Amino acid sequence: MFEKAQDLALRAVVLTKAWARKNRRGASAIEYGLLAGLIAVVIIGMVATVGTQLNEVFSKISASLTSI
């Protein structure tokens, strides 16, 4: 399954580069779009990780407050 996703991503990059060579005006927009997508993926990953950790912290605080 991971290999298929990798193949699709590689194919998308190759097709995007081929298209950008033919159409130079849209190349910058494509590059900015890919960059924005990559940044979004990183942000989603970080939010998921930090969210889980924050949930654990608030659960511990809640448990300690109810025991007081």
PDB file of N, CA and C in Angstrom:
ATOM      1  N   MET A   1       0.822  -1.182   0.000  1.00  0.00           N
ATOM      2  CA  MET A   1       0.000   0.000   0.000  1.00  0.00           C
ATOM      3  C   MET A   1       0.871   1.252   0.000  1.00  0.00           C
ATOM      4  N   PHE A   2       1.917   1.262   0.818  1.00  0.00           N
ATOM      5  CA  PHE A   2       2.822   2.410   0.875  1.00  0.00           C
ATOM      6  C   PHE A   2       3.546   2.586  -0.453  1.00  0.00           C
ATOM      7  N   GLU A   3       3.868   1.461  -1.101  1.00  0.00           N
ATOM      8  CA  GLU A   3       4.555   1.529  -2.385  1.00  0.00           C
ATOM      9  C   GLU A   3       3.669   2.162  -3.444  1.00  0.00           C
ATOM     10  N   LYS A   4       2.365   1.867  -3.419  1.00  0.00           N
ATOM     11  CA  LYS A   4       1.448   2.472  -4.382  1.00  0.00           C
ATOM     12  C   LYS A   4       1.367   3.978  -4.176  1.00  0.00           C
ATOM     13  N   ALA A   5       1.303   4.404  -2.917  1.00  0.00           N
ATOM     14  CA  ALA A   5       1.255   5.830  -2.618  1.00  0.00           C
ATOM     15  C   ALA A   5       2.541   6.516  -3.065  1.00  0.00           C
ATOM     16  N   GLN A   6       3.656   5.832  -2.859  1.00  0.00           N
ATOM     17  CA  GLN A   6       4.941   6.367  -3.286  1.00  0.00           C
ATOM     18  C   GLN A   6       4.990   6.494  -4.802  1.00  0.00           C
ATOM     19  N   ASP A   7       4.502   5.475  -5.501  1.00  0.00           N
ATOM     20  CA  ASP A   7       4.468   5.506  -6.958  1.00  0.00           C
ATOM     21  C   ASP A   7       3.587   6.640  -7.465  1.00  0.00           C
ATOM     22  N   LEU A   8       2.425   6.818  -6.840  1.00  0.00           N
ATOM     23  CA  LEU A   8       1.524   7.898  -7.260  1.00  0.00           C
ATOM     24  C   LEU A   8       2.154   9.267  -7.023  1.00  0.00           C
ATOM     25  N   ALA A   9       2.817   9.423  -5.885  1.00  0.00           N
ATOM     26  CA  ALA A   9       3.458  10.704  -5.578  1.00  0.00           C
ATOM     27  C   ALA A   9       4.587  10.990  -6.571  1.00  0.00           C
ATOM     28  N   LEU A  10       5.387   9.980  -6.869  1.00  0.00           N
ATOM     29  CA  LEU A  10       6.487  10.146  -7.818  1.00  0.00           C
ATOM     30  C   LEU A  10       5.944  10.468  -9.206  1.00  0.00           C
ATOM     31  N   ARG A  11       4.891   9.783  -9.607  1.00  0.00           N
ATOM     32  CA  ARG A  11       4.279  10.033 -10.911  1.00  0.00           C
ATOM     33  C   ARG A  11       3.727  11.455 -10.984  1.00  0.00           C
ATOM     34  N   ALA A  12       3.125  11.914  -9.901  1.00  0.00           N
ATOM     35  CA  ALA A  12       2.585  13.277  -9.869  1.00  0.00           C
ATOM     36  C   ALA A  12       3.700  14.307 -10.008  1.00  0.00           C
ATOM     37  N   VAL A  13       4.811  14.076  -9.333  1.00  0.00           N
ATOM     38  CA  VAL A  13       5.933  15.006  -9.425  1.00  0.00           C
ATOM     39  C   VAL A  13       6.498  15.031 -10.841  1.00  0.00           C
ATOM     40  N   VAL A  14       6.661  13.850 -11.445  1.00  0.00           N
ATOM     41  CA  VAL A  14       7.210  13.781 -12.799  1.00  0.00           C
ATOM     42  C   VAL A  14       6.274  14.467 -13.791  1.00  0.00           C
ATOM     43  N   LEU A  15       4.980  14.192 -13.691  1.00  0.00           N
ATOM     44  CA  LEU A  15       4.020  14.824 -14.604  1.00  0.00           C
ATOM     45  C   LEU A  15       3.959  16.331 -14.396  1.00  0.00           C
ATOM     46  N   THR A  16       4.058  16.768 -13.140  1.00  0.00           N
ATOM     47  CA  THR A  16       4.038  18.204 -12.854  1.00  0.00           C
ATOM     48  C   THR A  16       5.260  18.888 -13.444  1.00  0.00           C
ATOM     49  N   LYS A  17       6.424  18.258 -13.302  1.00  0.00           N
ATOM     50  CA  LYS A  17       7.639  18.842 -13.867  1.00  0.00           C
ATOM     51  C   LYS A  17       7.572  18.892 -15.388  1.00  0.00           C
ATOM     52  N   ALA A  18       7.054  17.835 -16.006  1.00  0.00           N
ATOM     53  CA  ALA A  18       6.926  17.812 -17.464  1.00  0.00           C
ATOM     54  C   ALA A  18       5.969  18.910 -17.927  1.00  0.00           C
ATOM     55  N   TRP A  19       4.876  19.083 -17.215  1.00  0.00           N
ATOM     56  CA  TRP A  19       3.909  20.112 -17.576  1.00  0.00           C
ATOM     57  C   TRP A  19       4.513  21.504 -17.380  1.00  0.00           C
ATOM     58  N   ALA A  20       5.277  21.672 -16.312  1.00  0.00           N
ATOM     59  CA  ALA A  20       5.871  22.972 -16.015  1.00  0.00           C
ATOM     60  C   ALA A  20       6.900  23.360 -17.074  1.00  0.00           C
ATOM     61  N   ARG A  21       7.594  22.382 -17.635  1.00  0.00           N
ATOM     62  CA  ARG A  21       8.564  22.696 -18.690  1.00  0.00           C
ATOM     63  C   ARG A  21       7.866  23.270 -19.908  1.00  0.00           C
ATOM     64  N   LYS A  22       6.692  22.752 -20.217  1.00  0.00           N
ATOM     65  CA  LYS A  22       5.942  23.221 -21.380  1.00  0.00           C
ATOM     66  C   LYS A  22       5.293  24.571 -21.093  1.00  0.00           C
ATOM     67  N   ASN A  23       4.874  24.771 -19.877  1.00  0.00           N
ATOM     68  CA  ASN A  23       4.069  25.927 -19.528  1.00  0.00           C
ATOM     69  C   ASN A  23       4.768  26.695 -18.407  1.00  0.00           C
ATOM     70  N   ARG A  24       5.709  27.550 -18.732  1.00  0.00           N
ATOM     71  CA  ARG A  24       6.539  28.213 -17.723  1.00  0.00           C
ATOM     72  C   ARG A  24       5.756  29.203 -16.864  1.00  0.00           C
ATOM     73  N   ARG A  25       4.676  29.768 -17.392  1.00  0.00           N
ATOM     74  CA  ARG A  25       3.930  30.743 -16.602  1.00  0.00           C
ATOM     75  C   ARG A  25       3.282  30.099 -15.376  1.00  0.00           C
ATOM     76  N   GLY A  26       2.836  28.883 -15.497  1.00  0.00           N
ATOM     77  CA  GLY A  26       2.162  28.217 -14.388  1.00  0.00           C
ATOM     78  C   GLY A  26       3.107  27.483 -13.460  1.00  0.00           C
ATOM     79  N   ALA A  27       4.396  27.466 -13.796  1.00  0.00           N
ATOM     80  CA  ALA A  27       5.357  26.707 -12.992  1.00  0.00           C
ATOM     81  C   ALA A  27       5.436  27.234 -11.565  1.00  0.00           C
ATOM     82  N   SER A  28       5.458  28.540 -11.418  1.00  0.00           N
ATOM     83  CA  SER A  28       5.550  29.110 -10.072  1.00  0.00           C
ATOM     84  C   SER A  28       4.322  28.774  -9.241  1.00  0.00           C
ATOM     85  N   ALA A  29       3.143  28.825  -9.862  1.00  0.00           N
ATOM     86  CA  ALA A  29       1.914  28.501  -9.137  1.00  0.00           C
ATOM     87  C   ALA A  29       1.923  27.048  -8.689  1.00  0.00           C
ATOM     88  N   ILE A  30       2.394  26.158  -9.559  1.00  0.00           N
ATOM     89  CA  ILE A  30       2.471  24.736  -9.202  1.00  0.00           C
ATOM     90  C   ILE A  30       3.442  24.542  -8.045  1.00  0.00           C
ATOM     91  N   GLU A  31       4.595  25.186  -8.122  1.00  0.00           N
ATOM     92  CA  GLU A  31       5.592  25.041  -7.064  1.00  0.00           C
ATOM     93  C   GLU A  31       5.069  25.566  -5.730  1.00  0.00           C
ATOM     94  N   TYR A  32       4.397  26.704  -5.768  1.00  0.00           N
ATOM     95  CA  TYR A  32       3.825  27.245  -4.541  1.00  0.00           C
ATOM     96  C   TYR A  32       2.723  26.335  -4.004  1.00  0.00           C
ATOM     97  N   GLY A  33       1.952  25.736  -4.897  1.00  0.00           N
ATOM     98  CA  GLY A  33       0.908  24.806  -4.473  1.00  0.00           C
ATOM     99  C   GLY A  33       1.488  23.569  -3.808  1.00  0.00           C
ATOM    100  N   LEU A  34       2.544  23.022  -4.394  1.00  0.00           N
ATOM    101  CA  LEU A  34       3.200  21.852  -3.798  1.00  0.00           C
ATOM    102  C   LEU A  34       3.813  22.208  -2.446  1.00  0.00           C
ATOM    103  N   LEU A  35       4.417  23.373  -2.366  1.00  0.00           N
ATOM    104  CA  LEU A  35       5.016  23.814  -1.104  1.00  0.00           C
ATOM    105  C   LEU A  35       3.945  23.992  -0.031  1.00  0.00           C
ATOM    106  N   ALA A  36       2.827  24.602  -0.398  1.00  0.00           N
ATOM    107  CA  ALA A  36       1.729  24.788   0.558  1.00  0.00           C
ATOM    108  C   ALA A  36       1.173  23.448   1.015  1.00  0.00           C
ATOM    109  N   GLY A  37       1.064  22.490   0.088  1.00  0.00           N
ATOM    110  CA  GLY A  37       0.594  21.160   0.456  1.00  0.00           C
ATOM    111  C   GLY A  37       1.537  20.469   1.430  1.00  0.00           C
ATOM    112  N   LEU A  38       2.828  20.584   1.183  1.00  0.00           N
ATOM    113  CA  LEU A  38       3.816  19.974   2.074  1.00  0.00           C
ATOM    114  C   LEU A  38       3.757  20.607   3.462  1.00  0.00           C
ATOM    115  N   ILE A  39       3.638  21.916   3.505  1.00  0.00           N
ATOM    116  CA  ILE A  39       3.538  22.603   4.795  1.00  0.00           C
ATOM    117  C   ILE A  39       2.279  22.164   5.538  1.00  0.00           C
ATOM    118  N   ALA A  40       1.174  22.004   4.813  1.00  0.00           N
ATOM    119  CA  ALA A  40      -0.076  21.562   5.437  1.00  0.00           C
ATOM    120  C   ALA A  40       0.071  20.169   6.036  1.00  0.00           C
ATOM    121  N   VAL A  41       0.751  19.271   5.330  1.00  0.00           N
ATOM    122  CA  VAL A  41       0.950  17.909   5.839  1.00  0.00           C
ATOM    123  C   VAL A  41       1.781  17.943   7.117  1.00  0.00           C
ATOM    124  N   VAL A  42       2.826  18.758   7.142  1.00  0.00           N
ATOM    125  CA  VAL A  42       3.673  18.860   8.340  1.00  0.00           C
ATOM    126  C   VAL A  42       2.872  19.431   9.513  1.00  0.00           C
ATOM    127  N   ILE A  43       2.070  20.461   9.244  1.00  0.00           N
ATOM    128  CA  ILE A  43       1.264  21.061  10.311  1.00  0.00           C
ATOM    129  C   ILE A  43       0.268  20.058  10.868  1.00  0.00           C
ATOM    130  N   ILE A  44      -0.385  19.299  10.003  1.00  0.00           N
ATOM    131  CA  ILE A  44      -1.356  18.297  10.458  1.00  0.00           C
ATOM    132  C   ILE A  44      -0.671  17.251  11.326  1.00  0.00           C
ATOM    133  N   GLY A  45       0.507  16.811  10.915  1.00  0.00           N
ATOM    134  CA  GLY A  45       1.251  15.835  11.711  1.00  0.00           C
ATOM    135  C   GLY A  45       1.636  16.374  13.073  1.00  0.00           C
ATOM    136  N   MET A  46       2.085  17.622  13.113  1.00  0.00           N
ATOM    137  CA  MET A  46       2.485  18.220  14.381  1.00  0.00           C
ATOM    138  C   MET A  46       1.277  18.431  15.301  1.00  0.00           C
ATOM    139  N   VAL A  47       0.167  18.876  14.741  1.00  0.00           N
ATOM    140  CA  VAL A  47      -1.029  19.097  15.552  1.00  0.00           C
ATOM    141  C   VAL A  47      -1.524  17.779  16.139  1.00  0.00           C
ATOM    142  N   ALA A  48      -1.469  16.718  15.353  1.00  0.00           N
ATOM    143  CA  ALA A  48      -1.906  15.412  15.853  1.00  0.00           C
ATOM    144  C   ALA A  48      -1.020  14.951  17.010  1.00  0.00           C
ATOM    145  N   THR A  49       0.282  15.139  16.876  1.00  0.00           N
ATOM    146  CA  THR A  49       1.217  14.718  17.930  1.00  0.00           C
ATOM    147  C   THR A  49       1.050  15.570  19.183  1.00  0.00           C
ATOM    148  N   VAL A  50       1.039  16.871  19.006  1.00  0.00           N
ATOM    149  CA  VAL A  50       0.922  17.775  20.155  1.00  0.00           C
ATOM    150  C   VAL A  50      -0.451  17.637  20.808  1.00  0.00           C
ATOM    151  N   GLY A  51      -1.491  17.431  20.002  1.00  0.00           N
ATOM    152  CA  GLY A  51      -2.834  17.273  20.547  1.00  0.00           C
ATOM    153  C   GLY A  51      -2.939  16.078  21.474  1.00  0.00           C
ATOM    154  N   THR A  52      -2.317  14.977  21.090  1.00  0.00           N
ATOM    155  CA  THR A  52      -2.330  13.783  21.932  1.00  0.00           C
ATOM    156  C   THR A  52      -1.601  14.047  23.247  1.00  0.00           C
ATOM    157  N   GLN A  53      -0.466  14.703  23.161  1.00  0.00           N
ATOM    158  CA  GLN A  53       0.304  15.008  24.371  1.00  0.00           C
ATOM    159  C   GLN A  53      -0.453  15.973  25.275  1.00  0.00           C
ATOM    160  N   LEU A  54      -1.103  16.968  24.698  1.00  0.00           N
ATOM    161  CA  LEU A  54      -1.880  17.909  25.503  1.00  0.00           C
ATOM    162  C   LEU A  54      -3.064  17.230  26.173  1.00  0.00           C
ATOM    163  N   ASN A  55      -3.676  16.299  25.483  1.00  0.00           N
ATOM    164  CA  ASN A  55      -4.792  15.555  26.062  1.00  0.00           C
ATOM    165  C   ASN A  55      -4.335  14.786  27.300  1.00  0.00           C
ATOM    166  N   GLU A  56      -3.155  14.187  27.227  1.00  0.00           N
ATOM    167  CA  GLU A  56      -2.617  13.460  28.380  1.00  0.00           C
ATOM    168  C   GLU A  56      -2.351  14.420  29.548  1.00  0.00           C
ATOM    169  N   VAL A  57      -1.796  15.582  29.265  1.00  0.00           N
ATOM    170  CA  VAL A  57      -1.492  16.561  30.314  1.00  0.00           C
ATOM    171  C   VAL A  57      -2.774  17.021  30.997  1.00  0.00           C
ATOM    172  N   PHE A  58      -3.802  17.365  30.195  1.00  0.00           N
ATOM    173  CA  PHE A  58      -5.061  17.831  30.779  1.00  0.00           C
ATOM    174  C   PHE A  58      -5.766  16.717  31.543  1.00  0.00           C
ATOM    175  N   SER A  59      -5.617  15.481  31.104  1.00  0.00           N
ATOM    176  CA  SER A  59      -6.208  14.360  31.842  1.00  0.00           C
ATOM    177  C   SER A  59      -5.550  14.214  33.211  1.00  0.00           C
ATOM    178  N   LYS A  60      -4.233  14.364  33.275  1.00  0.00           N
ATOM    179  CA  LYS A  60      -3.519  14.280  34.549  1.00  0.00           C
ATOM    180  C   LYS A  60      -3.924  15.428  35.480  1.00  0.00           C
ATOM    181  N   ILE A  61      -4.044  16.614  34.910  1.00  0.00           N
ATOM    182  CA  ILE A  61      -4.464  17.777  35.718  1.00  0.00           C
ATOM    183  C   ILE A  61      -5.871  17.563  36.256  1.00  0.00           C
ATOM    184  N   SER A  62      -6.746  17.080  35.404  1.00  0.00           N
ATOM    185  CA  SER A  62      -8.131  16.820  35.822  1.00  0.00           C
ATOM    186  C   SER A  62      -8.187  15.781  36.927  1.00  0.00           C
ATOM    187  N   ALA A  63      -7.394  14.733  36.799  1.00  0.00           N
ATOM    188  CA  ALA A  63      -7.391  13.683  37.814  1.00  0.00           C
ATOM    189  C   ALA A  63      -6.858  14.211  39.144  1.00  0.00           C
ATOM    190  N   SER A  64      -5.829  15.058  39.087  1.00  0.00           N
ATOM    191  CA  SER A  64      -5.277  15.586  40.325  1.00  0.00           C
ATOM    192  C   SER A  64      -6.229  16.594  40.984  1.00  0.00           C
ATOM    193  N   LEU A  65      -7.000  17.321  40.194  1.00  0.00           N
ATOM    194  CA  LEU A  65      -7.938  18.273  40.766  1.00  0.00           C
ATOM    195  C   LEU A  65      -9.129  17.584  41.423  1.00  0.00           C
ATOM    196  N   THR A  66      -9.572  16.457  40.877  1.00  0.00           N
ATOM    197  CA  THR A  66     -10.702  15.760  41.464  1.00  0.00           C
ATOM    198  C   THR A  66     -10.307  15.067  42.765  1.00  0.00           C
ATOM    199  N   SER A  67      -9.017  14.767  42.937  1.00  0.00           N
ATOM    200  CA  SER A  67      -8.594  14.097  44.169  1.00  0.00           C
ATOM    201  C   SER A  67      -8.372  15.084  45.309  1.00  0.00           C
ATOM    202  N   ILE A  68      -8.389  16.362  45.011  1.00  0.00           N
ATOM    203  CA  ILE A  68      -8.148  17.367  46.070  1.00  0.00           C
ATOM    204  C   ILE A  68      -9.398  17.621  46.873  1.00  0.00           C
TER     205      ILE A  68
END
